[in-house]
Each structure stands twice: as structure tokens, then as C-alpha cells.
Amino acid sequence: MSEKEQADNNSMYMIKAFVSQMTWPLKSQCEEIASLTTLKVLMITGETDGITSVASAHVVAEWLKPVMDRELIIVPNASHMVMLEQPDVVNEEIDKFITST
């Protein structure tokens, strides 16, 4: 069975329970982190991520905008395991990021 098939068959009860108890960072915390670094950030998410929604990723991307290399990248036909589900797309985006910085 491929990793994608395994991921598709995983209901992710444990991670969903864990995430539901997490305290997400505050805007002020993200802005403080962004102000303390000169490093650039690349954010990639899957369009159907059921753990960290695209809407949530947009919020964090906005908070980190000063250190974002470019806009949030939303990968079609991918969920939370975007790097396993669409490795060619993710690798291409990482390669662009590395060569542009």
C-alpha cells in the first residue's frame, strides 16, 4: 500500500484530538517572531487539509507576511500530508524558494 493510500485510510482520530486541545499562536507572537529574524518563510498547505485549514494558514501567513518569501502556496489535490501526496509540486516550490533567497 502506498503512503498516499495509507494516509487516505487514516481517520487521524489521535491527531485531531491533539489539535483540538492545542493553543494556536497569537498574532502578536507571530509578529514578534517575524520581527526577530531576517530569515524568509515559505508556507505550503494542501487545499483539503483537515488538520490545519486553508483559512487558518491564510491567517498565519498574513501575520508572518514581513518574512514570507511570497504568498501562501495551496497545493491542489492534497491534504495535511502534502509532501507525500504531491511531492513533485512541493519539491518544485522548495527549489524555487531556495534558489530565490
Protein backbone atom coordinates (compact mmCIF):
# COMPACT_ATOMS: atom_id res chain seq x y z
CA MET A 1 0.00 0.00 0.00
CA SER A 2 1.38 3.45 -0.93
CA GLU A 3 1.87 6.22 1.61
CA LYS A 4 -0.98 8.16 0.00
CA GLU A 5 -3.32 5.17 0.31
CA GLN A 6 -2.32 4.75 3.94
CA ALA A 7 -2.91 8.45 4.60
CA ASP A 8 -6.29 8.29 2.83
CA ASN A 9 -7.31 5.35 5.03
CA ASN A 10 -6.18 7.02 8.27
CA SER A 11 -9.06 8.68 10.14
CA MET A 12 -6.48 10.58 12.21
CA TYR A 13 -8.53 10.42 15.42
CA MET A 14 -5.48 10.88 17.63
CA ILE A 15 -4.04 13.89 15.81
CA LYS A 16 -7.46 15.53 15.55
CA ALA A 17 -7.92 15.09 19.31
CA PHE A 18 -4.45 16.53 19.93
CA VAL A 19 -5.01 19.51 17.63
CA SER A 20 -8.37 20.27 19.21
CA GLN A 21 -6.56 20.79 22.54
CA MET A 22 -3.77 22.97 21.12
CA THR A 23 -3.43 26.66 21.73
CA TRP A 24 -2.55 28.28 18.44
CA PRO A 25 -0.07 31.17 18.44
CA LEU A 26 -1.39 34.68 18.85
CA LYS A 27 -0.98 37.34 16.20
CA SER A 28 1.37 39.26 18.50
CA GLN A 29 3.56 36.17 18.95
CA CYS A 30 3.86 35.61 15.20
CA GLU A 31 4.62 39.27 14.61
CA GLU A 32 7.27 39.22 17.33
CA ILE A 33 8.93 36.17 15.79
CA ALA A 34 8.83 37.82 12.37
CA SER A 35 10.46 40.96 13.78
CA LEU A 36 13.35 38.98 15.31
CA THR A 37 14.55 37.23 12.17
CA THR A 38 15.87 38.03 8.74
CA LEU A 39 15.15 34.50 7.55
CA LYS A 40 12.46 34.07 4.93
CA VAL A 41 9.50 31.72 5.37
CA LEU A 42 7.81 29.51 2.80
CA MET A 43 4.34 28.24 3.67
CA ILE A 44 2.80 25.35 1.75
CA THR A 45 -0.53 23.69 2.53
CA GLY A 46 -2.89 21.23 0.89
CA GLU A 47 -6.22 22.54 -0.36
CA THR A 48 -8.17 19.91 1.58
CA ASP A 49 -6.09 19.88 4.79
CA GLY A 50 -8.44 18.70 7.53
CA ILE A 51 -6.00 19.40 10.37
CA THR A 52 -4.82 22.91 9.58
CA SER A 53 -7.41 24.56 7.37
CA VAL A 54 -6.51 26.76 4.43
CA ALA A 55 -8.32 29.59 6.21
CA SER A 56 -6.05 29.17 9.26
CA ALA A 57 -2.98 29.00 7.05
CA HIS A 58 -4.01 32.30 5.41
CA VAL A 59 -4.29 33.93 8.83
CA VAL A 60 -0.82 32.80 9.93
CA ALA A 61 0.63 33.73 6.53
CA GLU A 62 -0.77 37.24 6.95
CA TRP A 63 0.76 37.52 10.43
CA LEU A 64 4.13 36.37 9.07
CA LYS A 65 3.91 38.49 5.92
CA PRO A 66 7.07 40.50 6.72
CA VAL A 67 9.15 37.31 6.49
CA MET A 68 7.16 35.46 3.85
CA ASP A 69 9.13 34.81 0.68
CA ARG A 70 5.88 35.02 -1.32
CA GLU A 71 2.20 34.23 -0.93
CA LEU A 72 0.93 31.08 0.77
CA ILE A 73 1.12 28.13 -1.63
CA ILE A 74 -2.00 25.99 -1.71
CA VAL A 75 -1.42 22.66 -3.43
CA PRO A 76 -4.43 21.18 -5.26
CA ASN A 77 -5.43 17.57 -4.62
CA ALA A 78 -3.52 17.42 -1.34
CA SER A 79 -4.42 17.41 2.33
CA HIS A 80 -2.30 17.57 5.52
CA MET A 81 0.40 15.27 4.17
CA VAL A 82 1.01 17.48 1.16
CA MET A 83 4.67 16.48 0.93
CA LEU A 84 3.69 12.82 0.50
CA GLU A 85 0.62 13.41 -1.66
CA GLN A 86 2.18 15.89 -4.11
CA PRO A 87 5.97 15.54 -3.67
CA ASP A 88 6.84 16.90 -7.12
CA VAL A 89 4.89 20.11 -6.52
CA VAL A 90 6.30 20.57 -3.02
CA ASN A 91 9.87 19.88 -4.17
CA GLU A 92 9.50 22.35 -7.04
CA GLU A 93 8.24 25.06 -4.67
CA ILE A 94 11.06 24.40 -2.20
CA ASP A 95 13.59 24.53 -5.03
CA LYS A 96 12.18 27.91 -6.19
CA PHE A 97 12.35 29.16 -2.60
CA ILE A 98 15.96 28.07 -2.10
CA THR A 99 17.18 29.49 -5.38
CA SER A 100 15.36 32.82 -4.87
CA THR A 101 16.76 33.61 -1.42
